[in-house]
């Protein structure tokens, strides 16, 4: 029943957003496309946070997905946007699966710093590789979608619709995962990994699964962003990109999937208008905004949802005692 309800809400959200896009100007469609794409990478960080991990290297998977989507037209002749998203997702997920056995041996800051180190190694390789455009990156031609070429007039809207569909599907799948046995075990690992081991489950295996999901979502985000921007560059793997994604993850919290995309959109809006009206101090505006959230909503925007919704997202949350005679 719960999964059916979440599927219905996901379909409703996709339909509303697609119809709303028809009324939105091109600049707003692009802003929502970028915020939703970034929200996918942030969702990966939130999945890892909920599973007991932390990462400062999500930019690595973001860059892997972006470069994979940029290179497959040249290397394999694949122009379709959907296939390029799938390939970018799989490439990032495969690399994540290769490094997961090493990373899950560590916890806390050691885990996070190792992910940062891997991301910076990739940043260095991309910056020095002339085959991949070096520090200038690679320009990308407009993709096709299901065999249809995109015209300049409808390109923004088609990519907007594609991003909305992918984001809604990914968000629904993550919601299903969180309410599954594996997702609840990941939450238990976050609380007490030693107790999970005593119960006969593998805390390392659960953390590895969360890390691979994080990588997959990062690759999806990078592939969409590359095609929306029409350009990829090594800075996608830089620590600044990862730091921005972590910023949004802290802003959203780990309790609710919609809060992740809401936080990503909010950041894009604040950054856009702050950069417009405060061009020299817009980073300060973002910093003050983040401090206010930490002070008044330390659990993120997800804590704005009703108690019942938070209880569904976190079964380990405290439950108020029942009144005498209450069933």
Protein backbone atom coordinates (compact mmCIF):
# COMPACT_ATOMS: atom_id res chain seq x y z
CA UNK A 1 0.00 0.00 0.00
CA UNK A 2 2.79 2.40 0.93
CA UNK A 3 4.72 1.70 -2.30
CA UNK A 4 1.54 2.19 -4.37
CA UNK A 5 0.92 5.54 -2.69
CA UNK A 6 4.49 6.69 -3.26
CA UNK A 7 4.27 5.61 -6.92
CA UNK A 8 1.06 7.58 -7.36
CA UNK A 9 2.63 10.67 -5.77
CA UNK A 10 5.69 10.30 -8.01
CA UNK A 11 3.55 10.07 -11.16
CA UNK A 12 1.47 13.04 -10.04
CA UNK A 13 4.60 15.10 -9.36
CA UNK A 14 6.03 14.26 -12.81
CA UNK A 15 2.80 15.22 -14.60
CA UNK A 16 2.46 18.50 -12.69
CA UNK A 17 6.08 19.49 -13.32
CA UNK A 18 5.92 18.62 -17.03
CA UNK A 19 2.73 20.65 -17.50
CA UNK A 20 4.15 23.52 -15.46
CA UNK A 21 7.18 23.55 -17.74
CA UNK A 22 4.97 24.53 -20.66
CA UNK A 23 4.23 27.83 -18.93
CA UNK A 24 7.77 28.48 -17.70
CA UNK A 25 10.26 30.62 -19.65
CA UNK A 26 13.42 29.02 -21.02
CA UNK A 27 15.63 30.42 -18.25
CA UNK A 28 13.42 28.89 -15.57
CA UNK A 29 13.34 25.54 -17.37
CA UNK A 30 17.13 25.55 -17.45
CA UNK A 31 17.35 26.50 -13.77
CA UNK A 32 15.01 23.66 -12.77
CA UNK A 33 16.89 21.24 -15.04
CA UNK A 34 20.20 22.07 -13.39
CA UNK A 35 18.78 21.98 -9.87
CA UNK A 36 17.09 18.61 -10.48
CA UNK A 37 20.28 17.19 -12.01
CA UNK A 38 22.33 18.38 -9.05
CA UNK A 39 19.62 17.03 -6.78
CA UNK A 40 20.32 13.51 -8.08
CA UNK A 41 23.97 13.76 -7.00
CA UNK A 42 22.86 15.17 -3.65
CA UNK A 43 20.37 12.33 -3.27
CA UNK A 44 23.29 9.93 -3.64
CA UNK A 45 25.11 11.70 -0.79
CA UNK A 46 21.97 11.55 1.33
CA UNK A 47 21.63 7.80 0.69
CA UNK A 48 25.23 7.37 1.86
CA UNK A 49 24.66 9.61 4.89
CA UNK A 50 21.60 7.60 5.83
CA UNK A 51 23.66 4.41 5.47
CA UNK A 52 26.37 5.55 7.87
CA UNK A 53 28.89 6.98 5.38
CA UNK A 54 30.13 10.41 4.41
CA UNK A 55 31.72 11.61 1.20
CA UNK A 56 33.67 14.62 0.03
CA UNK A 57 34.26 13.01 -3.35
CA UNK A 58 30.88 12.89 -5.07
CA UNK A 59 32.41 15.07 -7.75
CA UNK A 60 34.34 12.02 -8.95
CA UNK A 61 31.18 10.17 -9.96
CA UNK A 62 29.62 13.38 -11.22
CA UNK A 63 32.61 13.87 -13.54
CA UNK A 64 32.67 10.21 -14.62
CA UNK A 65 29.03 10.37 -15.69
CA UNK A 66 29.57 13.70 -17.45
CA UNK A 67 32.64 12.59 -19.39
CA UNK A 68 31.06 9.26 -20.31
CA UNK A 69 28.03 11.07 -21.74
CA UNK A 70 30.35 13.46 -23.59
CA UNK A 71 32.62 10.81 -25.11
CA UNK A 72 30.19 8.10 -26.26
CA UNK A 73 29.08 10.11 -29.36
CA UNK A 74 32.70 10.34 -30.51
CA UNK A 75 33.83 6.87 -29.52
CA UNK A 76 30.67 4.85 -30.18
CA UNK A 77 28.44 7.14 -32.24
CA UNK A 78 25.66 7.18 -29.61
CA UNK A 79 23.75 10.47 -29.78
CA UNK A 80 20.59 9.59 -27.82
CA UNK A 81 20.31 11.47 -24.53
CA UNK A 82 18.62 8.59 -22.71
CA UNK A 83 21.33 6.09 -23.67
CA UNK A 84 24.04 8.55 -22.70
CA UNK A 85 22.43 8.96 -19.27
CA UNK A 86 22.30 5.18 -18.86
CA UNK A 87 25.93 4.80 -19.90
CA UNK A 88 27.08 7.61 -17.60
CA UNK A 89 25.18 6.02 -14.73
CA UNK A 90 26.66 2.57 -15.34
CA UNK A 91 30.22 3.85 -15.71
CA UNK A 92 30.05 5.71 -12.41
CA UNK A 93 28.36 2.76 -10.69
CA UNK A 94 31.03 0.35 -11.96
CA UNK A 95 33.87 2.54 -10.66
CA UNK A 96 32.02 2.90 -7.37
CA UNK A 97 31.66 -0.88 -7.09
CA UNK A 98 35.41 -1.31 -7.73
CA UNK A 99 36.39 1.04 -4.90
CA UNK A 100 33.64 0.05 -2.45
CA UNK A 101 35.49 -2.99 -0.93
CA UNK A 102 38.41 -0.71 -0.07
CA UNK A 103 36.41 2.18 1.34
CA UNK A 104 34.00 0.19 3.52
CA UNK A 105 36.91 -0.86 5.73
CA UNK A 106 36.93 2.69 7.12
CA UNK A 107 34.45 4.92 8.89
CA UNK A 108 33.82 8.58 9.52
CA UNK A 109 36.40 11.14 8.45
CA UNK A 110 38.74 8.46 7.06
CA UNK A 111 36.04 7.25 4.67
CA UNK A 112 35.24 10.81 3.61
CA UNK A 113 38.88 11.80 3.07
CA UNK A 114 39.55 8.72 0.95
CA UNK A 115 36.67 9.64 -1.34
CA UNK A 116 38.08 13.17 -1.57
CA UNK A 117 41.52 11.77 -2.46
CA UNK A 118 40.08 9.62 -5.24
CA UNK A 119 38.15 12.57 -6.62
CA UNK A 120 41.24 14.78 -6.66
CA UNK A 121 43.26 12.07 -8.42
CA UNK A 122 40.62 12.01 -11.15
CA UNK A 123 40.68 15.80 -11.29
CA UNK A 124 44.43 15.73 -11.87
CA UNK A 125 44.19 13.08 -14.57
CA UNK A 126 41.45 14.95 -16.42
CA UNK A 127 43.35 18.24 -16.22
CA UNK A 128 46.51 16.70 -17.70
CA UNK A 129 44.89 14.52 -20.38
CA UNK A 130 45.04 16.14 -23.82
CA UNK A 131 42.83 13.34 -25.17
CA UNK A 132 40.03 14.53 -22.87
CA UNK A 133 40.51 18.22 -23.59
CA UNK A 134 42.81 18.99 -20.68
CA UNK A 135 41.84 21.87 -18.42
CA UNK A 136 39.57 23.32 -21.13
CA UNK A 137 37.28 20.28 -21.19
CA UNK A 138 35.11 19.07 -24.06
CA UNK A 139 32.22 20.70 -25.87
CA UNK A 140 29.15 18.56 -26.54
CA UNK A 141 26.74 18.79 -29.45
CA UNK A 142 23.01 18.74 -28.73
CA UNK A 143 21.79 15.17 -28.22
CA UNK A 144 18.82 13.43 -29.75
CA UNK A 145 15.97 12.07 -27.65
CA UNK A 146 14.45 8.76 -28.74
CA UNK A 147 15.70 9.36 -32.27
CA UNK A 148 14.33 12.91 -32.51
CA UNK A 149 16.76 15.79 -33.04
CA UNK A 150 16.34 18.76 -30.73
CA UNK A 151 15.67 22.13 -32.31
CA UNK A 152 16.84 25.31 -30.65
CA UNK A 153 13.28 26.21 -29.73
CA UNK A 154 12.33 23.03 -27.90
CA UNK A 155 15.71 21.76 -26.66
CA UNK A 156 15.37 23.32 -23.22
CA UNK A 157 11.88 21.93 -22.66
CA UNK A 158 12.71 18.41 -23.89
CA UNK A 159 15.77 18.22 -21.62
CA UNK A 160 13.65 19.65 -18.81
CA UNK A 161 11.03 16.91 -19.25
CA UNK A 162 13.70 14.21 -19.48
CA UNK A 163 15.37 15.47 -16.31
CA UNK A 164 12.04 15.60 -14.47
CA UNK A 165 11.19 12.02 -15.44
CA UNK A 166 14.63 10.68 -14.48
CA UNK A 167 14.61 12.59 -11.18
CA UNK A 168 11.12 11.42 -10.23
CA UNK A 169 11.91 7.80 -11.10
CA UNK A 170 15.19 7.93 -9.17
CA UNK A 171 13.51 9.56 -6.18
CA UNK A 172 10.77 6.93 -6.14
CA UNK A 173 13.30 4.08 -6.36
CA UNK A 174 15.30 5.55 -3.47
CA UNK A 175 12.09 5.90 -1.44
CA UNK A 176 11.28 2.23 -2.09
CA UNK A 177 14.82 1.26 -1.11
CA UNK A 178 14.63 3.23 2.14
CA UNK A 179 11.46 1.37 3.14
CA UNK A 180 12.87 -2.04 2.18
CA UNK A 181 14.71 -4.40 4.50
CA UNK A 182 18.06 -3.34 3.01
CA UNK A 183 17.24 0.33 3.49
CA UNK A 184 16.19 -0.16 7.10
CA UNK A 185 19.36 -2.12 7.75
CA UNK A 186 21.36 0.78 6.29
CA UNK A 187 19.65 3.05 8.81
CA UNK A 188 20.59 0.62 11.58
CA UNK A 189 24.20 0.65 10.40
CA UNK A 190 24.16 4.43 10.71
CA UNK A 191 22.99 4.09 14.30
CA UNK A 192 25.16 1.20 15.51
CA UNK A 193 27.18 -0.89 13.02
CA UNK A 194 28.55 -3.15 15.75
CA UNK A 195 25.07 -4.17 16.83
CA UNK A 196 24.18 -4.96 13.21
CA UNK A 197 27.20 -7.29 13.04
CA UNK A 198 26.10 -9.01 16.26
CA UNK A 199 22.70 -9.63 14.68
CA UNK A 200 24.39 -11.51 11.83
CA UNK A 201 24.17 -8.87 9.08
CA UNK A 202 27.11 -7.27 7.28
CA UNK A 203 27.61 -3.60 8.10
CA UNK A 204 30.33 -3.38 5.45
CA UNK A 205 28.06 -4.90 2.84
CA UNK A 206 25.29 -2.44 3.67
CA UNK A 207 27.69 0.51 3.53
CA UNK A 208 29.05 -0.75 0.22
CA UNK A 209 25.53 -0.89 -1.21
CA UNK A 210 24.89 2.69 -0.10
CA UNK A 211 28.16 3.77 -1.69
CA UNK A 212 27.35 2.13 -5.03
CA UNK A 213 23.89 3.77 -5.06
CA UNK A 214 25.62 7.07 -4.32
CA UNK A 215 27.92 6.49 -7.31
CA UNK A 216 25.06 5.57 -9.63
CA UNK A 217 23.12 8.71 -8.78
CA UNK A 218 26.24 10.85 -9.14
CA UNK A 219 26.82 9.44 -12.63
CA UNK A 220 23.22 10.11 -13.61
CA UNK A 221 23.54 13.69 -12.40
CA UNK A 222 26.76 14.27 -14.32
CA UNK A 223 25.38 12.82 -17.56
CA UNK A 224 22.32 15.08 -17.45
CA UNK A 225 24.34 18.16 -16.49
CA UNK A 226 26.83 17.61 -19.32
CA UNK A 227 24.09 17.49 -21.94
CA UNK A 228 22.24 20.46 -20.47
CA UNK A 229 25.39 22.62 -20.37
CA UNK A 230 26.89 21.35 -23.61
CA UNK A 231 30.33 21.27 -22.01
CA UNK A 232 32.32 19.21 -19.50
CA UNK A 233 35.50 20.16 -17.68
CA UNK A 234 37.84 18.73 -15.02
CA UNK A 235 36.37 21.03 -12.36
CA UNK A 236 33.44 18.64 -12.21
CA UNK A 237 35.75 16.37 -10.18
CA UNK A 238 37.23 19.17 -8.08
CA UNK A 239 36.63 19.40 -4.34
CA UNK A 240 34.60 22.58 -4.85
CA UNK A 241 31.93 20.63 -6.75
CA UNK A 242 31.79 17.96 -4.05
CA UNK A 243 31.64 20.62 -1.36
CA UNK A 244 28.67 22.31 -3.01
CA UNK A 245 26.82 19.00 -3.21
CA UNK A 246 27.55 18.27 0.46
CA UNK A 247 26.29 21.78 1.24
CA UNK A 248 22.92 20.92 -0.30
CA UNK A 249 22.85 17.50 1.41
CA UNK A 250 23.27 19.14 4.82
CA UNK A 251 20.61 21.68 3.88
CA UNK A 252 18.16 18.91 2.90
CA UNK A 253 18.81 16.39 5.67
CA UNK A 254 18.50 12.63 5.27
CA UNK A 255 14.84 12.12 6.11
CA UNK A 256 12.84 12.87 2.96
CA UNK A 257 13.51 12.52 -0.77
CA UNK A 258 11.49 15.61 -1.86
CA UNK A 259 13.51 17.74 0.56
CA UNK A 260 16.66 16.96 -1.44
CA UNK A 261 15.27 18.39 -4.67
CA UNK A 262 13.65 21.29 -2.81
CA UNK A 263 17.01 22.16 -1.23
CA UNK A 264 18.78 21.92 -4.57
CA UNK A 265 16.23 24.23 -6.23
CA UNK A 266 16.41 26.63 -3.30
CA UNK A 267 20.20 26.80 -3.58
CA UNK A 268 20.00 27.53 -7.32
CA UNK A 269 17.48 30.31 -6.72
CA UNK A 270 19.47 31.87 -3.87
CA UNK A 271 22.71 31.63 -5.83
CA UNK A 272 21.20 33.07 -9.02
CA UNK A 273 19.57 36.08 -7.37
CA UNK A 274 22.44 36.63 -4.94
CA UNK A 275 24.87 36.64 -7.84
CA UNK A 276 22.59 39.13 -9.62
CA UNK A 277 22.09 41.58 -6.76
CA UNK A 278 25.26 40.87 -4.71
CA UNK A 279 27.85 39.95 -7.35
CA UNK A 280 30.83 40.41 -5.02
CA UNK A 281 29.39 38.90 -1.84
CA UNK A 282 26.99 36.19 -3.02
CA UNK A 283 29.08 33.49 -1.29
CA UNK A 284 28.57 35.38 1.97
CA UNK A 285 24.82 35.34 1.39
CA UNK A 286 24.93 31.57 0.90
CA UNK A 287 27.00 31.18 4.06
CA UNK A 288 24.56 33.21 6.15
CA UNK A 289 21.67 31.24 4.68
CA UNK A 290 23.36 27.97 5.63
CA UNK A 291 24.07 29.17 9.17
CA UNK A 292 20.41 30.06 9.65
CA UNK A 293 19.35 26.60 8.51
CA UNK A 294 21.85 24.90 10.84
CA UNK A 295 20.75 27.06 13.78
CA UNK A 296 16.99 26.70 13.34
CA UNK A 297 16.64 23.47 11.33
CA UNK A 298 19.68 21.33 12.22
CA UNK A 299 18.03 18.23 10.72
CA UNK A 300 17.56 19.95 7.37
CA UNK A 301 14.52 20.91 5.35
CA UNK A 302 13.19 17.37 5.68
CA UNK A 303 12.34 18.16 9.30
CA UNK A 304 9.64 20.56 8.03
CA UNK A 305 7.50 17.56 7.05
CA UNK A 306 4.89 16.37 9.59
CA UNK A 307 5.92 14.06 12.41
CA UNK A 308 4.12 11.11 10.78
CA UNK A 309 6.12 11.55 7.61
CA UNK A 310 9.38 11.78 9.54
CA UNK A 311 8.41 8.65 11.45
CA UNK A 312 7.95 6.82 8.13
CA UNK A 313 11.35 8.01 6.92
CA UNK A 314 13.12 7.15 10.18
CA UNK A 315 11.56 4.21 12.04
CA UNK A 316 14.10 4.68 14.82
CA UNK A 317 12.79 8.11 15.71
CA UNK A 318 11.37 8.65 19.17
CA UNK A 319 7.64 8.09 19.51
CA UNK A 320 5.66 10.12 22.05
CA UNK A 321 4.07 7.98 24.80
CA UNK A 322 0.42 7.05 24.45
CA UNK A 323 -2.09 8.55 26.75
CA UNK A 324 -3.76 6.31 29.30
CA UNK A 325 -6.50 4.29 27.67
CA UNK A 326 -5.36 5.16 24.15
CA UNK A 327 -5.15 2.06 21.88
